[in-house]
Amino acid sequence: MSDTSHTHSSHGHHHEHDHDHEGSELSDIDLRVRALESLLIDKGYVDPAALDALIETYETKVGPRNGVRVVAKAWHDPGYKKWLLEDATAAIASLGYSGRQGEHMVVVANTPEEHNMVVCTLCSCYPWPVLGLPPAWYKSAPYRSRTVIDPRGVLKDFGIELPPETKITVWDSTAEIRYLVLPMRPAGTEGWAEDALAELITRNAMIGCDIARPPAQFAAVTGAR
C-alpha cells in the first residue's frame, strides 16, 4: 500500500521539507519585502505604527488561537464537527472567524488511517483568520517543494513518525481554497471541557506537521502541568 496520496489542483499534494523551523535565513523575497517596506516608510507612504498594529493583530489576536477554538469545539461537539467537515467556511464564520485569506475554507480530519498535511507549492497561501501569519518555514522553498515529494520525511524532521500503514495526504492551498487540519483528539480526554482541550492543540498540528498528544505526553513535551 502506498503511504502517500497526491491530490493536486485545488486539493491535495505531497511535499517535502528540509526546513529549519526556527531562525531560517531570510529568502530573497523576504529581503525585497523588507527593503520595500523601509523605502515606503522613509518616503512617508506607510505609517510604521499602523503596520505594527496590523502585524500585531494577526500575530496576537487573529493568530492560531482562533484555529485552536475551532478544533476544540469540533472535538467537544460532534454536531459542530460534522458541520465543519461539510461546510468549513460557514462553521468557522459562526465563531466569528472570517475575512481575507479565509473566504473559502476546507477542513480535513486526521484519522488512524490517514494523516493530512497542508502546503502551498506556489507561494504561501495560508488561512490567516484561523492561523494568523504563516511561520517562516511554511513559506520556505524547501518545505514547499519537499513536502509533496517526501511528506513522511518532513514529518520526521518535525519529530513525528507515523505507522508505515498510515496514508499521508498533502493538500495544496491556493488563492481560492485554504485548508485547516483537524487533528485526532488524544485518548484520555473524554469529558474534558473545550478550554482544557484547547491546551493540547498546536498551530503545527493544524497544518499537519504535528499531532495532538495525550495529556501526559503533552505535559512531558511542553513542560506543562
N, C-alpha and C. Protein backbone atom coordinates (compact mmCIF):
# COMPACT_ATOMS: atom_id res chain seq x y z
N MET A 1 0.85 -1.21 0.00
CA MET A 1 0.00 0.00 0.00
C MET A 1 0.87 1.24 0.00
N SER A 2 0.55 2.15 -0.82
CA SER A 2 1.29 3.42 -0.83
C SER A 2 0.97 4.21 0.42
N ASP A 3 1.97 4.88 0.99
CA ASP A 3 1.70 5.63 2.21
C ASP A 3 1.50 7.10 1.94
N THR A 4 1.42 7.49 0.69
CA THR A 4 1.14 8.88 0.39
C THR A 4 0.03 8.99 -0.63
N SER A 5 -0.67 10.10 -0.57
CA SER A 5 -1.70 10.36 -1.57
C SER A 5 -1.46 11.73 -2.15
N HIS A 6 -1.49 11.79 -3.48
CA HIS A 6 -1.17 13.05 -4.16
C HIS A 6 -2.45 13.64 -4.71
N THR A 7 -2.90 14.76 -4.17
CA THR A 7 -4.14 15.37 -4.65
C THR A 7 -3.87 16.79 -5.02
N HIS A 8 -3.66 17.08 -6.29
CA HIS A 8 -3.25 18.44 -6.64
C HIS A 8 -4.45 19.26 -7.03
N SER A 9 -4.25 20.14 -7.99
CA SER A 9 -5.19 21.18 -8.39
C SER A 9 -5.56 21.96 -7.17
N SER A 10 -6.87 22.06 -6.87
CA SER A 10 -7.24 22.85 -5.69
C SER A 10 -7.27 21.97 -4.46
N HIS A 11 -6.82 20.73 -4.61
CA HIS A 11 -6.83 19.84 -3.46
C HIS A 11 -5.42 19.33 -3.21
N GLY A 12 -5.28 18.11 -2.75
CA GLY A 12 -4.05 17.68 -2.14
C GLY A 12 -2.79 17.63 -2.97
N HIS A 13 -1.72 17.17 -2.32
CA HIS A 13 -0.37 17.26 -2.85
C HIS A 13 0.54 16.57 -1.85
N HIS A 14 1.72 16.11 -2.20
CA HIS A 14 2.71 15.88 -1.18
C HIS A 14 4.03 16.55 -1.48
N HIS A 15 4.61 17.05 -0.46
CA HIS A 15 5.73 17.96 -0.49
C HIS A 15 6.75 17.49 0.52
N GLU A 16 7.95 17.88 0.33
CA GLU A 16 8.93 17.52 1.33
C GLU A 16 9.57 18.75 1.93
N HIS A 17 10.42 18.55 2.92
CA HIS A 17 10.77 19.68 3.72
C HIS A 17 12.10 19.53 4.40
N ASP A 18 13.00 20.41 4.08
CA ASP A 18 14.34 20.42 4.63
C ASP A 18 14.48 21.60 5.55
N HIS A 19 13.44 21.94 6.26
CA HIS A 19 13.35 23.26 6.88
C HIS A 19 14.11 23.38 8.18
N ASP A 20 14.54 24.60 8.45
CA ASP A 20 14.97 24.97 9.79
C ASP A 20 13.76 25.64 10.40
N HIS A 21 13.16 25.03 11.42
CA HIS A 21 11.91 25.55 11.97
C HIS A 21 12.08 26.97 12.50
N GLU A 22 13.14 27.18 13.19
CA GLU A 22 13.35 28.49 13.81
C GLU A 22 14.58 29.13 13.18
N GLY A 23 14.59 30.41 13.06
CA GLY A 23 15.80 31.12 12.67
C GLY A 23 16.29 30.86 11.27
N SER A 24 15.37 30.60 10.33
CA SER A 24 15.80 30.43 8.95
C SER A 24 16.33 31.76 8.41
N GLU A 25 17.30 31.71 7.47
CA GLU A 25 17.76 32.94 6.84
C GLU A 25 16.65 33.50 5.98
N LEU A 26 16.65 34.80 5.82
CA LEU A 26 15.62 35.43 5.01
C LEU A 26 15.77 35.04 3.55
N SER A 27 14.65 34.75 2.91
CA SER A 27 14.68 34.44 1.49
C SER A 27 14.84 35.73 0.70
N ASP A 28 15.09 35.59 -0.60
CA ASP A 28 15.21 36.77 -1.46
C ASP A 28 13.93 37.61 -1.42
N ILE A 29 12.79 36.92 -1.41
CA ILE A 29 11.51 37.64 -1.37
C ILE A 29 11.37 38.41 -0.07
N ASP A 30 11.74 37.76 1.05
CA ASP A 30 11.65 38.44 2.35
C ASP A 30 12.55 39.68 2.37
N LEU A 31 13.74 39.55 1.82
CA LEU A 31 14.66 40.69 1.79
C LEU A 31 14.10 41.83 0.96
N ARG A 32 13.50 41.48 -0.17
CA ARG A 32 12.91 42.51 -1.03
C ARG A 32 11.73 43.19 -0.34
N VAL A 33 10.92 42.39 0.35
CA VAL A 33 9.77 42.96 1.07
C VAL A 33 10.25 43.93 2.13
N ARG A 34 11.28 43.54 2.87
CA ARG A 34 11.79 44.42 3.93
C ARG A 34 12.39 45.70 3.34
N ALA A 35 13.08 45.56 2.21
CA ALA A 35 13.65 46.74 1.57
C ALA A 35 12.55 47.67 1.09
N LEU A 36 11.49 47.10 0.51
CA LEU A 36 10.36 47.91 0.04
C LEU A 36 9.65 48.58 1.22
N GLU A 37 9.49 47.82 2.30
CA GLU A 37 8.84 48.38 3.50
C GLU A 37 9.63 49.58 4.02
N SER A 38 10.96 49.43 4.09
CA SER A 38 11.79 50.53 4.57
C SER A 38 11.68 51.75 3.67
N LEU A 39 11.66 51.50 2.36
CA LEU A 39 11.56 52.59 1.40
C LEU A 39 10.23 53.33 1.55
N LEU A 40 9.14 52.58 1.68
CA LEU A 40 7.81 53.19 1.82
C LEU A 40 7.70 54.00 3.10
N ILE A 41 8.32 53.49 4.16
CA ILE A 41 8.30 54.21 5.44
C ILE A 41 9.12 55.49 5.32
N ASP A 42 10.32 55.38 4.71
CA ASP A 42 11.17 56.55 4.54
C ASP A 42 10.50 57.64 3.71
N LYS A 43 9.73 57.23 2.72
CA LYS A 43 9.03 58.18 1.84
C LYS A 43 7.76 58.73 2.48
N GLY A 44 7.38 58.16 3.61
CA GLY A 44 6.18 58.63 4.29
C GLY A 44 4.88 58.06 3.74
N TYR A 45 4.99 57.00 2.92
CA TYR A 45 3.78 56.40 2.34
C TYR A 45 3.11 55.41 3.30
N VAL A 46 3.87 54.90 4.24
CA VAL A 46 3.36 53.91 5.18
C VAL A 46 3.65 54.37 6.60
N ASP A 47 2.66 54.28 7.45
CA ASP A 47 2.82 54.63 8.86
C ASP A 47 3.33 53.39 9.60
N PRO A 48 4.54 53.44 10.17
CA PRO A 48 5.08 52.27 10.88
C PRO A 48 4.16 51.79 12.00
N ALA A 49 3.51 52.72 12.68
CA ALA A 49 2.62 52.34 13.78
C ALA A 49 1.43 51.53 13.24
N ALA A 50 0.90 51.96 12.10
CA ALA A 50 -0.22 51.23 11.51
C ALA A 50 0.22 49.84 11.06
N LEU A 51 1.43 49.76 10.52
CA LEU A 51 1.97 48.48 10.09
C LEU A 51 2.16 47.55 11.28
N ASP A 52 2.72 48.10 12.36
CA ASP A 52 2.93 47.31 13.57
C ASP A 52 1.59 46.82 14.14
N ALA A 53 0.58 47.69 14.09
CA ALA A 53 -0.74 47.31 14.61
C ALA A 53 -1.34 46.17 13.79
N LEU A 54 -1.14 46.24 12.46
CA LEU A 54 -1.66 45.18 11.59
C LEU A 54 -0.97 43.85 11.89
N ILE A 55 0.35 43.90 12.03
CA ILE A 55 1.09 42.68 12.32
C ILE A 55 0.69 42.11 13.68
N GLU A 56 0.55 43.00 14.66
CA GLU A 56 0.16 42.55 16.00
C GLU A 56 -1.22 41.89 15.97
N THR A 57 -2.13 42.43 15.16
CA THR A 57 -3.47 41.86 15.07
C THR A 57 -3.40 40.41 14.62
N TYR A 58 -2.62 40.15 13.59
CA TYR A 58 -2.55 38.79 13.06
C TYR A 58 -1.72 37.86 13.93
N GLU A 59 -0.74 38.42 14.67
CA GLU A 59 0.10 37.57 15.49
C GLU A 59 -0.53 37.26 16.85
N THR A 60 -1.28 38.21 17.41
CA THR A 60 -1.77 38.03 18.78
C THR A 60 -3.28 37.94 18.90
N LYS A 61 -4.01 38.45 17.92
CA LYS A 61 -5.47 38.45 18.04
C LYS A 61 -6.14 37.52 17.03
N VAL A 62 -5.58 37.47 15.84
CA VAL A 62 -6.17 36.64 14.81
C VAL A 62 -5.40 35.34 14.68
N GLY A 63 -4.34 35.20 15.44
CA GLY A 63 -3.42 34.09 15.27
C GLY A 63 -3.98 32.72 15.52
N PRO A 64 -3.12 31.74 15.75
CA PRO A 64 -3.54 30.34 15.88
C PRO A 64 -4.60 30.09 16.94
N ARG A 65 -4.75 31.01 17.89
CA ARG A 65 -5.75 30.79 18.94
C ARG A 65 -7.16 30.62 18.36
N ASN A 66 -7.43 31.27 17.23
CA ASN A 66 -8.74 31.12 16.60
C ASN A 66 -8.93 29.70 16.09
N GLY A 67 -7.89 29.19 15.42
CA GLY A 67 -7.95 27.81 14.94
C GLY A 67 -8.08 26.83 16.09
N VAL A 68 -7.39 27.13 17.18
CA VAL A 68 -7.48 26.27 18.37
C VAL A 68 -8.92 26.18 18.86
N ARG A 69 -9.64 27.31 18.85
CA ARG A 69 -11.03 27.30 19.30
C ARG A 69 -11.90 26.46 18.36
N VAL A 70 -11.60 26.54 17.06
CA VAL A 70 -12.36 25.76 16.08
C VAL A 70 -12.15 24.27 16.34
N VAL A 71 -10.91 23.85 16.50
CA VAL A 71 -10.60 22.44 16.71
C VAL A 71 -11.18 21.95 18.03
N ALA A 72 -11.00 22.73 19.09
CA ALA A 72 -11.52 22.31 20.40
C ALA A 72 -13.03 22.14 20.36
N LYS A 73 -13.73 23.04 19.68
CA LYS A 73 -15.19 22.91 19.58
C LYS A 73 -15.57 21.67 18.79
N ALA A 74 -14.82 21.39 17.72
CA ALA A 74 -15.11 20.20 16.91
C ALA A 74 -14.89 18.92 17.73
N TRP A 75 -13.85 18.92 18.54
CA TRP A 75 -13.61 17.76 19.41
C TRP A 75 -14.72 17.59 20.43
N HIS A 76 -15.24 18.70 20.90
CA HIS A 76 -16.21 18.68 22.01
C HIS A 76 -17.64 18.49 21.54
N ASP A 77 -17.93 18.93 20.32
CA ASP A 77 -19.31 18.98 19.82
C ASP A 77 -19.41 18.21 18.49
N PRO A 78 -19.91 16.99 18.51
CA PRO A 78 -20.00 16.19 17.27
C PRO A 78 -20.80 16.88 16.17
N GLY A 79 -21.85 17.59 16.55
CA GLY A 79 -22.66 18.30 15.56
C GLY A 79 -21.85 19.38 14.86
N TYR A 80 -21.05 20.10 15.63
CA TYR A 80 -20.22 21.14 15.03
C TYR A 80 -19.14 20.51 14.14
N LYS A 81 -18.58 19.39 14.57
CA LYS A 81 -17.56 18.72 13.76
C LYS A 81 -18.14 18.31 12.41
N LYS A 82 -19.33 17.77 12.41
CA LYS A 82 -19.97 17.36 11.16
C LYS A 82 -20.16 18.57 10.24
N TRP A 83 -20.61 19.67 10.80
CA TRP A 83 -20.82 20.90 10.03
C TRP A 83 -19.48 21.41 9.49
N LEU A 84 -18.47 21.37 10.34
CA LEU A 84 -17.14 21.86 9.96
C LEU A 84 -16.59 21.10 8.77
N LEU A 85 -16.78 19.79 8.75
CA LEU A 85 -16.25 18.98 7.66
C LEU A 85 -17.08 19.12 6.39
N GLU A 86 -18.35 19.49 6.55
CA GLU A 86 -19.23 19.65 5.39
C GLU A 86 -19.15 21.06 4.79
N ASP A 87 -19.05 22.07 5.65
CA ASP A 87 -19.03 23.46 5.20
C ASP A 87 -18.16 24.27 6.15
N ALA A 88 -16.86 24.12 5.97
CA ALA A 88 -15.91 24.74 6.90
C ALA A 88 -16.03 26.25 6.95
N THR A 89 -16.25 26.88 5.80
CA THR A 89 -16.32 28.34 5.77
C THR A 89 -17.43 28.85 6.68
N ALA A 90 -18.61 28.26 6.56
CA ALA A 90 -19.75 28.69 7.39
C ALA A 90 -19.55 28.33 8.85
N ALA A 91 -19.05 27.14 9.12
CA ALA A 91 -18.87 26.71 10.51
C ALA A 91 -17.84 27.57 11.22
N ILE A 92 -16.76 27.90 10.53
CA ILE A 92 -15.74 28.76 11.13
C ILE A 92 -16.26 30.18 11.30
N ALA A 93 -16.99 30.68 10.32
CA ALA A 93 -17.55 32.03 10.41
C ALA A 93 -18.54 32.15 11.56
N SER A 94 -19.19 31.05 11.91
CA SER A 94 -20.16 31.09 13.02
C SER A 94 -19.50 31.42 14.35
N LEU A 95 -18.19 31.22 14.42
CA LEU A 95 -17.43 31.56 15.63
C LEU A 95 -16.83 32.96 15.53
N GLY A 96 -17.11 33.63 14.42
CA GLY A 96 -16.62 35.00 14.24
C GLY A 96 -15.30 35.09 13.52
N TYR A 97 -14.83 33.98 12.94
CA TYR A 97 -13.54 33.97 12.27
C TYR A 97 -13.76 33.89 10.75
N SER A 98 -13.55 34.99 10.10
CA SER A 98 -13.70 35.04 8.65
C SER A 98 -12.91 36.23 8.14
N GLY A 99 -12.90 36.39 6.82
CA GLY A 99 -12.21 37.55 6.27
C GLY A 99 -11.16 37.16 5.27
N ARG A 100 -10.29 38.11 4.97
CA ARG A 100 -9.26 37.94 3.94
C ARG A 100 -8.40 36.71 4.20
N GLN A 101 -8.18 35.94 3.16
CA GLN A 101 -7.41 34.70 3.20
C GLN A 101 -8.15 33.56 3.90
N GLY A 102 -9.42 33.79 4.20
CA GLY A 102 -10.20 32.71 4.80
C GLY A 102 -11.59 32.64 4.19
N GLU A 103 -11.72 33.16 2.97
CA GLU A 103 -13.04 33.23 2.34
C GLU A 103 -13.58 31.85 1.97
N HIS A 104 -12.69 30.93 1.62
CA HIS A 104 -13.12 29.59 1.21
C HIS A 104 -12.26 28.56 1.95
N MET A 105 -12.80 28.03 3.02
CA MET A 105 -12.07 27.11 3.88
C MET A 105 -12.51 25.66 3.66
N VAL A 106 -11.56 24.75 3.77
CA VAL A 106 -11.83 23.32 3.77
C VAL A 106 -11.09 22.73 4.96
N VAL A 107 -11.80 21.93 5.76
CA VAL A 107 -11.17 21.26 6.91
C VAL A 107 -11.06 19.77 6.60
N VAL A 108 -9.87 19.23 6.81
CA VAL A 108 -9.63 17.80 6.57
C VAL A 108 -9.25 17.16 7.90
N ALA A 109 -9.87 16.03 8.21
CA ALA A 109 -9.71 15.40 9.52
C ALA A 109 -8.71 14.26 9.48
N ASN A 110 -7.80 14.26 10.42
CA ASN A 110 -6.89 13.14 10.57
C ASN A 110 -7.61 11.96 11.21
N THR A 111 -7.23 10.77 10.81
CA THR A 111 -7.77 9.53 11.37
C THR A 111 -6.61 8.57 11.57
N PRO A 112 -6.84 7.44 12.24
CA PRO A 112 -5.74 6.47 12.37
C PRO A 112 -5.24 5.97 11.02
N GLU A 113 -6.11 6.01 10.00
CA GLU A 113 -5.74 5.51 8.68
C GLU A 113 -5.10 6.56 7.77
N GLU A 114 -5.39 7.84 8.03
CA GLU A 114 -4.93 8.90 7.14
C GLU A 114 -4.49 10.13 7.92
N HIS A 115 -3.33 10.65 7.53
CA HIS A 115 -2.81 11.88 8.12
C HIS A 115 -2.74 12.94 7.03
N ASN A 116 -3.21 14.13 7.33
CA ASN A 116 -3.24 15.23 6.35
C ASN A 116 -2.19 16.28 6.67
N MET A 117 -1.61 16.83 5.61
CA MET A 117 -0.67 17.95 5.73
C MET A 117 -1.07 19.03 4.74
N VAL A 118 -0.68 20.27 5.03
CA VAL A 118 -1.02 21.40 4.17
C VAL A 118 0.25 22.10 3.73
N VAL A 119 0.27 22.53 2.46
CA VAL A 119 1.39 23.26 1.91
C VAL A 119 0.82 24.21 0.86
N CYS A 120 1.62 25.18 0.48
CA CYS A 120 1.29 25.99 -0.70
C CYS A 120 2.49 25.91 -1.62
N THR A 121 2.36 25.17 -2.71
CA THR A 121 3.52 24.92 -3.56
C THR A 121 3.95 26.13 -4.36
N LEU A 122 3.03 27.07 -4.60
CA LEU A 122 3.36 28.21 -5.46
C LEU A 122 3.86 29.42 -4.68
N CYS A 123 3.33 29.63 -3.49
CA CYS A 123 3.76 30.80 -2.70
C CYS A 123 3.60 30.48 -1.22
N SER A 124 2.67 31.14 -0.55
CA SER A 124 2.49 30.87 0.88
C SER A 124 1.03 31.09 1.28
N CYS A 125 0.09 30.63 0.45
CA CYS A 125 -1.33 30.76 0.79
C CYS A 125 -1.59 30.07 2.13
N TYR A 126 -2.33 30.74 2.99
CA TYR A 126 -2.42 30.32 4.39
C TYR A 126 -3.70 30.90 4.98
N PRO A 127 -4.40 30.18 5.84
CA PRO A 127 -5.68 30.67 6.39
C PRO A 127 -5.49 31.67 7.53
N TRP A 128 -5.26 32.91 7.21
CA TRP A 128 -4.98 33.94 8.21
C TRP A 128 -6.03 34.04 9.33
N PRO A 129 -7.33 34.02 9.02
CA PRO A 129 -8.30 34.22 10.10
C PRO A 129 -8.23 33.18 11.22
N VAL A 130 -7.75 31.96 10.88
CA VAL A 130 -7.70 30.93 11.93
C VAL A 130 -6.29 30.60 12.39
N LEU A 131 -5.27 30.92 11.59
CA LEU A 131 -3.90 30.59 11.99
C LEU A 131 -2.98 31.80 12.06
N GLY A 132 -3.46 32.98 11.72
CA GLY A 132 -2.61 34.15 11.78
C GLY A 132 -1.62 34.17 10.63
N LEU A 133 -0.45 34.76 10.87
CA LEU A 133 0.57 34.83 9.83
C LEU A 133 1.32 33.50 9.72
N PRO A 134 1.70 33.11 8.50
CA PRO A 134 2.40 31.83 8.34
C PRO A 134 3.80 31.89 8.93
N PRO A 135 4.25 30.77 9.52
CA PRO A 135 5.63 30.73 10.03
C PRO A 135 6.62 30.77 8.87
N ALA A 136 7.85 31.16 9.16
CA ALA A 136 8.86 31.31 8.12
C ALA A 136 9.09 30.01 7.37
N TRP A 137 9.10 28.88 8.11
CA TRP A 137 9.39 27.61 7.43
C TRP A 137 8.28 27.23 6.45
N TYR A 138 7.04 27.64 6.71
CA TYR A 138 5.93 27.30 5.80
C TYR A 138 6.14 27.98 4.44
N LYS A 139 6.75 29.16 4.46
CA LYS A 139 6.97 29.92 3.23
C LYS A 139 8.26 29.53 2.52
N SER A 140 9.09 28.72 3.16
CA SER A 140 10.40 28.41 2.60
C SER A 140 10.29 27.48 1.40
N ALA A 141 11.19 27.67 0.45
CA ALA A 141 11.20 26.82 -0.75
C ALA A 141 11.41 25.35 -0.41
N PRO A 142 12.30 25.00 0.53
CA PRO A 142 12.48 23.58 0.85
C PRO A 142 11.19 22.92 1.34
N TYR A 143 10.46 23.59 2.22
CA TYR A 143 9.20 22.99 2.71
C TYR A 143 8.21 22.85 1.57
N ARG A 144 8.08 23.89 0.77
CA ARG A 144 7.09 23.89 -0.30
C ARG A 144 7.38 22.81 -1.35
N SER A 145 8.64 22.53 -1.58
CA SER A 145 8.98 21.54 -2.59
C SER A 145 9.06 20.13 -2.00
N ARG A 146 9.63 20.00 -0.83
CA ARG A 146 9.90 18.68 -0.29
C ARG A 146 8.66 18.00 0.28
N THR A 147 7.69 18.77 0.73
CA THR A 147 6.52 18.17 1.34
C THR A 147 5.74 17.30 0.35
N VAL A 148 5.68 17.70 -0.92
CA VAL A 148 4.96 16.88 -1.89
C VAL A 148 5.76 15.66 -2.31
N ILE A 149 7.07 15.70 -2.14
CA ILE A 149 7.92 14.60 -2.56
C ILE A 149 8.10 13.58 -1.44
N ASP A 150 8.31 14.06 -0.24
CA ASP A 150 8.62 13.19 0.89
C ASP A 150 7.93 13.67 2.17
N PRO A 151 6.60 13.61 2.24
CA PRO A 151 5.91 14.10 3.43
C PRO A 151 6.29 13.36 4.70
N ARG A 152 6.57 12.07 4.57
CA ARG A 152 6.96 11.30 5.75
C ARG A 152 8.31 11.79 6.30
N GLY A 153 9.20 12.15 5.39
CA GLY A 153 10.48 12.70 5.83
C GLY A 153 10.33 14.06 6.48
N VAL A 154 9.41 14.86 5.96
CA VAL A 154 9.14 16.17 6.56
C VAL A 154 8.60 16.00 7.97
N LEU A 155 7.67 15.08 8.13
CA LEU A 155 7.12 14.83 9.47
C LEU A 155 8.22 14.38 10.43
N LYS A 156 9.13 13.57 9.93
CA LYS A 156 10.23 13.12 10.78
C LYS A 156 11.09 14.29 11.22
N ASP A 157 11.27 15.28 10.31
CA ASP A 157 12.01 16.49 10.68
C ASP A 157 11.34 17.21 11.84
N PHE A 158 10.03 17.12 11.90
CA PHE A 158 9.27 17.75 12.98
C PHE A 158 9.15 16.85 14.21
N GLY A 159 9.76 15.67 14.15
CA GLY A 159 9.71 14.76 15.29
C GLY A 159 8.50 13.85 15.30
N ILE A 160 7.83 13.71 14.15
CA ILE A 160 6.64 12.88 14.06
C ILE A 160 6.91 11.66 13.18
N GLU A 161 6.73 10.48 13.73
CA GLU A 161 6.87 9.25 12.97
C GLU A 161 5.56 8.49 13.03
N LEU A 162 4.90 8.36 11.90
CA LEU A 162 3.62 7.67 11.82
C LEU A 162 3.83 6.21 11.45
N PRO A 163 2.86 5.36 11.79
CA PRO A 163 2.95 3.96 11.37
C PRO A 163 3.07 3.87 9.85
N PRO A 164 3.83 2.90 9.33
CA PRO A 164 4.02 2.81 7.88
C PRO A 164 2.74 2.62 7.10
N GLU A 165 1.72 2.05 7.74
CA GLU A 165 0.45 1.83 7.03
C GLU A 165 -0.43 3.08 6.96
N THR A 166 -0.08 4.13 7.69
CA THR A 166 -0.86 5.37 7.65
C THR A 166 -0.63 6.10 6.34
N LYS A 167 -1.69 6.36 5.60
CA LYS A 167 -1.58 7.11 4.35
C LYS A 167 -1.40 8.59 4.68
N ILE A 168 -0.58 9.27 3.92
CA ILE A 168 -0.37 10.71 4.11
C ILE A 168 -0.89 11.44 2.87
N THR A 169 -1.81 12.36 3.10
CA THR A 169 -2.35 13.17 2.02
C THR A 169 -1.93 14.62 2.22
N VAL A 170 -1.38 15.22 1.18
CA VAL A 170 -0.92 16.60 1.26
C VAL A 170 -1.84 17.48 0.42
N TRP A 171 -2.37 18.52 1.04
CA TRP A 171 -3.31 19.43 0.40
C TRP A 171 -2.60 20.71 0.01
N ASP A 172 -2.79 21.12 -1.23
CA ASP A 172 -2.10 22.30 -1.77
C ASP A 172 -3.03 23.50 -1.71
N SER A 173 -2.77 24.42 -0.78
CA SER A 173 -3.58 25.63 -0.68
C SER A 173 -3.40 26.48 -1.93
N THR A 174 -4.46 27.16 -2.32
CA THR A 174 -4.42 28.03 -3.49
C THR A 174 -5.03 29.37 -3.13
N ALA A 175 -5.07 30.27 -4.11
CA ALA A 175 -5.69 31.57 -3.88
C ALA A 175 -7.18 31.41 -3.63
N GLU A 176 -7.76 30.29 -4.08
CA GLU A 176 -9.20 30.09 -3.91
C GLU A 176 -9.55 29.32 -2.65
N ILE A 177 -8.70 28.39 -2.23
CA ILE A 177 -9.04 27.49 -1.13
C ILE A 177 -7.91 27.45 -0.11
N ARG A 178 -8.29 27.56 1.17
CA ARG A 178 -7.34 27.40 2.27
C ARG A 178 -7.76 26.17 3.07
N TYR A 179 -6.77 25.43 3.56
CA TYR A 179 -7.04 24.20 4.29
C TYR A 179 -6.64 24.32 5.76
N LEU A 180 -7.38 23.61 6.61
CA LEU A 180 -7.07 23.51 8.03
C LEU A 180 -7.18 22.03 8.40
N VAL A 181 -6.17 21.52 9.08
CA VAL A 181 -6.19 20.12 9.51
C VAL A 181 -6.88 20.02 10.87
N LEU A 182 -7.80 19.06 10.98
CA LEU A 182 -8.43 18.75 12.25
C LEU A 182 -7.68 17.56 12.84
N PRO A 183 -6.80 17.80 13.83
CA PRO A 183 -6.03 16.69 14.40
C PRO A 183 -6.95 15.69 15.10
N MET A 184 -6.43 14.48 15.31
CA MET A 184 -7.19 13.50 16.08
C MET A 184 -7.20 13.92 17.56
N ARG A 185 -8.34 13.77 18.17
CA ARG A 185 -8.44 14.07 19.60
C ARG A 185 -7.67 13.01 20.39
N PRO A 186 -6.79 13.43 21.29
CA PRO A 186 -6.00 12.46 22.04
C PRO A 186 -6.86 11.61 22.97
N ALA A 187 -6.43 10.38 23.15
CA ALA A 187 -7.09 9.49 24.12
C ALA A 187 -6.88 10.06 25.53
N GLY A 188 -7.80 9.75 26.41
CA GLY A 188 -7.69 10.22 27.79
C GLY A 188 -8.26 11.59 28.03
N THR A 189 -8.97 12.14 27.05
CA THR A 189 -9.54 13.49 27.20
C THR A 189 -11.07 13.44 27.23
N GLU A 190 -11.61 12.26 27.41
CA GLU A 190 -13.06 12.13 27.47
C GLU A 190 -13.62 12.98 28.62
N GLY A 191 -14.67 13.74 28.31
CA GLY A 191 -15.30 14.56 29.34
C GLY A 191 -14.62 15.89 29.56
N TRP A 192 -13.54 16.19 28.85
CA TRP A 192 -12.85 17.46 29.04
C TRP A 192 -13.66 18.61 28.45
N ALA A 193 -13.57 19.75 29.07
CA ALA A 193 -14.21 20.97 28.54
C ALA A 193 -13.38 21.51 27.38
N GLU A 194 -14.01 22.37 26.59
CA GLU A 194 -13.32 22.94 25.42
C GLU A 194 -12.03 23.67 25.80
N ASP A 195 -12.08 24.43 26.89
CA ASP A 195 -10.90 25.19 27.30
C ASP A 195 -9.72 24.28 27.61
N ALA A 196 -10.01 23.13 28.24
CA ALA A 196 -8.95 22.19 28.57
C ALA A 196 -8.42 21.52 27.30
N LEU A 197 -9.32 21.17 26.39
CA LEU A 197 -8.91 20.56 25.13
C LEU A 197 -8.03 21.51 24.32
N ALA A 198 -8.37 22.79 24.38
CA ALA A 198 -7.63 23.79 23.60
C ALA A 198 -6.15 23.82 23.97
N GLU A 199 -5.83 23.46 25.21
CA GLU A 199 -4.43 23.49 25.65
C GLU A 199 -3.57 22.45 24.94
N LEU A 200 -4.20 21.45 24.32
CA LEU A 200 -3.45 20.37 23.68
C LEU A 200 -3.21 20.60 22.19
N ILE A 201 -3.73 21.70 21.65
CA ILE A 201 -3.71 21.93 20.21
C ILE A 201 -2.60 22.92 19.85
N THR A 202 -1.80 22.55 18.88
CA THR A 202 -0.72 23.43 18.43
C THR A 202 -1.00 23.93 17.01
N ARG A 203 -0.39 25.04 16.67
CA ARG A 203 -0.51 25.55 15.30
C ARG A 203 -0.04 24.52 14.29
N ASN A 204 1.11 23.88 14.59
CA ASN A 204 1.66 22.93 13.63
C ASN A 204 0.75 21.73 13.41
N ALA A 205 -0.01 21.36 14.45
CA ALA A 205 -0.95 20.25 14.30
C ALA A 205 -2.07 20.63 13.34
N MET A 206 -2.41 21.92 13.28
CA MET A 206 -3.47 22.38 12.38
C MET A 206 -2.96 22.57 10.95
N ILE A 207 -1.64 22.50 10.77
CA ILE A 207 -1.04 22.49 9.44
C ILE A 207 -0.77 21.04 9.03
N GLY A 208 -0.67 20.17 10.03
CA GLY A 208 -0.43 18.75 9.79
C GLY A 208 1.00 18.32 10.03
N CYS A 209 1.81 19.23 10.59
CA CYS A 209 3.21 18.92 10.87
C CYS A 209 3.44 18.54 12.32
N ASP A 210 2.36 18.29 13.04
CA ASP A 210 2.43 17.87 14.44
C ASP A 210 1.17 17.05 14.70
N ILE A 211 1.10 16.42 15.87
CA ILE A 211 -0.10 15.72 16.29
C ILE A 211 -0.50 16.24 17.66
N ALA A 212 -1.77 16.07 17.99
CA ALA A 212 -2.23 16.42 19.34
C ALA A 212 -1.91 15.23 20.24
N ARG A 213 -1.17 15.49 21.30
CA ARG A 213 -0.69 14.41 22.15
C ARG A 213 -1.59 14.17 23.36
N PRO A 214 -1.60 12.93 23.87
CA PRO A 214 -2.33 12.66 25.11
C PRO A 214 -1.82 13.56 26.23
N PRO A 215 -2.65 13.83 27.23
CA PRO A 215 -2.28 14.80 28.28
C PRO A 215 -0.90 14.59 28.89
N ALA A 216 -0.58 13.37 29.32
CA ALA A 216 0.70 13.13 29.98
C ALA A 216 1.86 13.37 29.02
N GLN A 217 1.70 12.93 27.78
CA GLN A 217 2.75 13.11 26.79
C GLN A 217 2.91 14.58 26.43
N PHE A 218 1.79 15.29 26.34
CA PHE A 218 1.85 16.72 26.04
C PHE A 218 2.59 17.45 27.15
N ALA A 219 2.30 17.10 28.40
CA ALA A 219 2.97 17.75 29.53
C ALA A 219 4.47 17.48 29.49
N ALA A 220 4.85 16.26 29.11
CA ALA A 220 6.27 15.92 29.06
C ALA A 220 6.99 16.71 27.96
N VAL A 221 6.31 16.90 26.83
CA VAL A 221 6.92 17.60 25.70
C VAL A 221 7.01 19.09 25.96
N THR A 222 5.95 19.68 26.54
CA THR A 222 5.90 21.12 26.71
C THR A 222 6.34 21.61 28.08
N GLY A 223 6.41 20.71 29.05
CA GLY A 223 6.71 21.12 30.40
C GLY A 223 5.48 21.61 31.14
N ALA A 224 4.31 21.44 30.50
CA ALA A 224 3.07 21.88 31.14
C ALA A 224 2.72 20.95 32.27
N ARG A 225 1.90 21.44 33.17
CA ARG A 225 1.46 20.63 34.30
C ARG A 225 0.32 19.74 33.86
